[in-house]
C-alpha atoms as a PDB file:
ATOM      1  CA  MET A   1       0.000   0.000   0.000  1.00  0.00           C
ATOM      2  CA  ALA A   2       1.330   3.415  -0.964  1.00  0.00           C
ATOM      3  CA  ASP A   3       2.430   5.789   1.745  1.00  0.00           C
ATOM      4  CA  PRO A   4      -0.202   8.561   2.065  1.00  0.00           C
ATOM      5  CA  ARG A   5       2.623  11.085   2.442  1.00  0.00           C
ATOM      6  CA  ILE A   6       3.552  10.493  -1.214  1.00  0.00           C
ATOM      7  CA  HIS A   7       0.088  11.489  -2.396  1.00  0.00           C
ATOM      8  CA  GLU A   8       0.079  14.501  -0.075  1.00  0.00           C
ATOM      9  CA  LEU A   9       3.484  15.695  -1.313  1.00  0.00           C
ATOM     10  CA  ARG A  10       2.454  15.321  -4.967  1.00  0.00           C
ATOM     11  CA  GLU A  11      -0.815  17.155  -4.313  1.00  0.00           C
ATOM     12  CA  ARG A  12       0.958  20.015  -2.543  1.00  0.00           C
ATOM     13  CA  ALA A  13       3.457  20.274  -5.415  1.00  0.00           C
ATOM     14  CA  THR A  14       0.618  20.492  -7.938  1.00  0.00           C
ATOM     15  CA  LYS A  15      -1.117  23.215  -5.932  1.00  0.00           C
ATOM     16  CA  LEU A  16       2.129  25.161  -5.583  1.00  0.00           C
ATOM     17  CA  ARG A  17       2.685  25.071  -9.347  1.00  0.00           C
ATOM     18  CA  ALA A  18      -0.837  26.400  -9.947  1.00  0.00           C
ATOM     19  CA  PHE A  19      -0.225  29.132  -7.388  1.00  0.00           C
ATOM     20  CA  ALA A  20       3.087  30.019  -9.055  1.00  0.00           C
ATOM     21  CA  ASP A  21       1.310  30.386 -12.394  1.00  0.00           C
ATOM     22  CA  HIS A  22      -1.251  32.667 -10.755  1.00  0.00           C
ATOM     23  CA  VAL A  23       1.458  34.813  -9.122  1.00  0.00           C
ATOM     24  CA  GLN A  24       3.308  35.138 -12.416  1.00  0.00           C
ATOM     25  CA  LYS A  25       0.152  36.218 -14.279  1.00  0.00           C
ATOM     26  CA  LEU A  26      -0.937  38.917 -11.806  1.00  0.00           C
ATOM     27  CA  PRO A  27       1.187  41.770 -13.193  1.00  0.00           C
ATOM     28  CA  ASP A  28       0.264  40.750 -16.756  1.00  0.00           C
ATOM     29  CA  ARG A  29      -3.367  41.522 -15.987  1.00  0.00           C
ATOM     30  CA  VAL A  30      -2.451  44.938 -14.592  1.00  0.00           C
ATOM     31  CA  ASP A  31      -0.140  45.628 -17.517  1.00  0.00           C
ATOM     32  CA  GLY A  32      -2.862  44.586 -19.962  1.00  0.00           C
ATOM     33  CA  GLU A  33      -5.379  46.917 -18.380  1.00  0.00           C
ATOM     34  CA  ALA A  34      -2.868  49.781 -18.333  1.00  0.00           C
ATOM     35  CA  ALA A  35      -2.080  49.211 -22.002  1.00  0.00           C
ATOM     36  CA  LYS A  36      -5.763  49.594 -22.930  1.00  0.00           C
ATOM     37  CA  MET A  37      -5.970  52.990 -21.281  1.00  0.00           C
ATOM     38  CA  GLU A  38      -5.148  56.279 -22.919  1.00  0.00           C
ATOM     39  CA  TRP A  39      -3.204  57.901 -20.150  1.00  0.00           C
ATOM     40  CA  SER A  40      -0.384  60.301 -19.787  1.00  0.00           C
ATOM     41  CA  GLY A  41       0.919  62.589 -17.165  1.00  0.00           C
ATOM     42  CA  PRO A  42       3.879  63.168 -14.908  1.00  0.00           C
ATOM     43  CA  TYR A  43       3.646  59.755 -13.274  1.00  0.00           C
ATOM     44  CA  THR A  44       2.891  57.614 -16.334  1.00  0.00           C
ATOM     45  CA  ASP A  45       6.477  56.482 -16.864  1.00  0.00           C
ATOM     46  CA  LYS A  46       6.899  55.887 -13.149  1.00  0.00           C
ATOM     47  CA  VAL A  47       3.779  53.694 -13.002  1.00  0.00           C
ATOM     48  CA  ARG A  48       4.845  51.737 -16.078  1.00  0.00           C
ATOM     49  CA  GLY A  49       8.250  51.242 -14.498  1.00  0.00           C
ATOM     50  CA  GLU A  50       6.645  50.003 -11.284  1.00  0.00           C
ATOM     51  CA  ILE A  51       4.535  47.535 -13.242  1.00  0.00           C
ATOM     52  CA  LYS A  52       7.694  46.225 -14.897  1.00  0.00           C
ATOM     53  CA  THR A  53       9.411  45.960 -11.499  1.00  0.00           C
ATOM     54  CA  TRP A  54       6.482  44.021 -10.033  1.00  0.00           C
ATOM     55  CA  LYS A  55       6.428  41.790 -13.082  1.00  0.00           C
ATOM     56  CA  GLY A  56      10.053  40.868 -12.373  1.00  0.00           C
ATOM     57  CA  ARG A  57       9.420  40.357  -8.666  1.00  0.00           C
ATOM     58  CA  CYS A  58       6.376  38.183  -9.259  1.00  0.00           C
ATOM     59  CA  GLY A  59       8.370  36.129 -11.759  1.00  0.00           C
ATOM     60  CA  SER A  60      11.119  35.596  -9.190  1.00  0.00           C
ATOM     61  CA  VAL A  61       8.629  34.595  -6.508  1.00  0.00           C
ATOM     62  CA  ALA A  62       6.904  32.224  -8.930  1.00  0.00           C
ATOM     63  CA  ASP A  63      10.261  30.622  -9.735  1.00  0.00           C
ATOM     64  CA  ARG A  64      10.958  30.058  -6.029  1.00  0.00           C
ATOM     65  CA  ILE A  65       7.509  28.536  -5.542  1.00  0.00           C
ATOM     66  CA  ARG A  66       8.165  26.186  -8.475  1.00  0.00           C
ATOM     67  CA  GLU A  67      11.497  25.212  -6.921  1.00  0.00           C
ATOM     68  CA  GLU A  68       9.664  24.255  -3.722  1.00  0.00           C
ATOM     69  CA  ALA A  69       7.176  22.215  -5.770  1.00  0.00           C
ATOM     70  CA  GLN A  70      10.101  20.451  -7.438  1.00  0.00           C
ATOM     71  CA  ARG A  71      11.620  19.733  -4.027  1.00  0.00           C
ATOM     72  CA  LEU A  72       8.335  18.201  -2.849  1.00  0.00           C
ATOM     73  CA  ASP A  73       8.172  16.028  -5.966  1.00  0.00           C
ATOM     74  CA  GLY A  74      11.730  14.895  -5.303  1.00  0.00           C
ATOM     75  CA  GLU A  75      10.824  14.013  -1.739  1.00  0.00           C
ATOM     76  CA  ALA A  76       7.811  12.024  -2.967  1.00  0.00           C
ATOM     77  CA  SER A  77       9.988  10.200  -5.495  1.00  0.00           C
ATOM     78  CA  SER A  78      12.460   9.358  -2.766  1.00  0.00           C
ATOM     79  CA  LEU A  79       9.678   7.904  -0.614  1.00  0.00           C
ATOM     80  CA  GLU A  80       8.408   5.886  -3.593  1.00  0.00           C
ATOM     81  CA  GLN A  81      11.891   4.525  -4.209  1.00  0.00           C
ATOM     82  CA  LYS A  82      12.209   3.488  -0.557  1.00  0.00           C
ATOM     83  CA  GLU A  83       8.840   1.714  -0.769  1.00  0.00           C
ATOM     84  CA  ARG A  84       9.943  -0.176  -3.897  1.00  0.00           C
ATOM     85  CA  GLU A  85      13.170  -1.178  -2.199  1.00  0.00           C
ATOM     86  CA  LYS A  86      11.254  -2.435   0.840  1.00  0.00           C
ATOM     87  CA  ALA A  87       8.825  -4.359  -1.375  1.00  0.00           C
ATOM     88  CA  GLY A  88      11.729  -5.873  -3.341  1.00  0.00           C
ATOM     89  CA  ALA A  89      13.465  -6.987  -0.137  1.00  0.00           C
ATOM     90  CA  ARG A  90      10.443  -9.008   0.969  1.00  0.00           C
END
């Protein structure tokens, strides 16, 4: 019987990847809305620069979340391997 921790780790990794995708898309939505607008003024360039900065930050955070998901998958794989080794030793 499979260790329930394996399923839990895989499920958490899947949820983290979905969350990372969401985090990465957030500034795209803001940028898309800003692009639709006809706007100008003294702070326009500053706001566009901030959007770009947040886009980079969200991308970095999303990458770190994906790394954690990868770590969880690796941990699950390790547990699966140990189970196979135990089953083979019987």
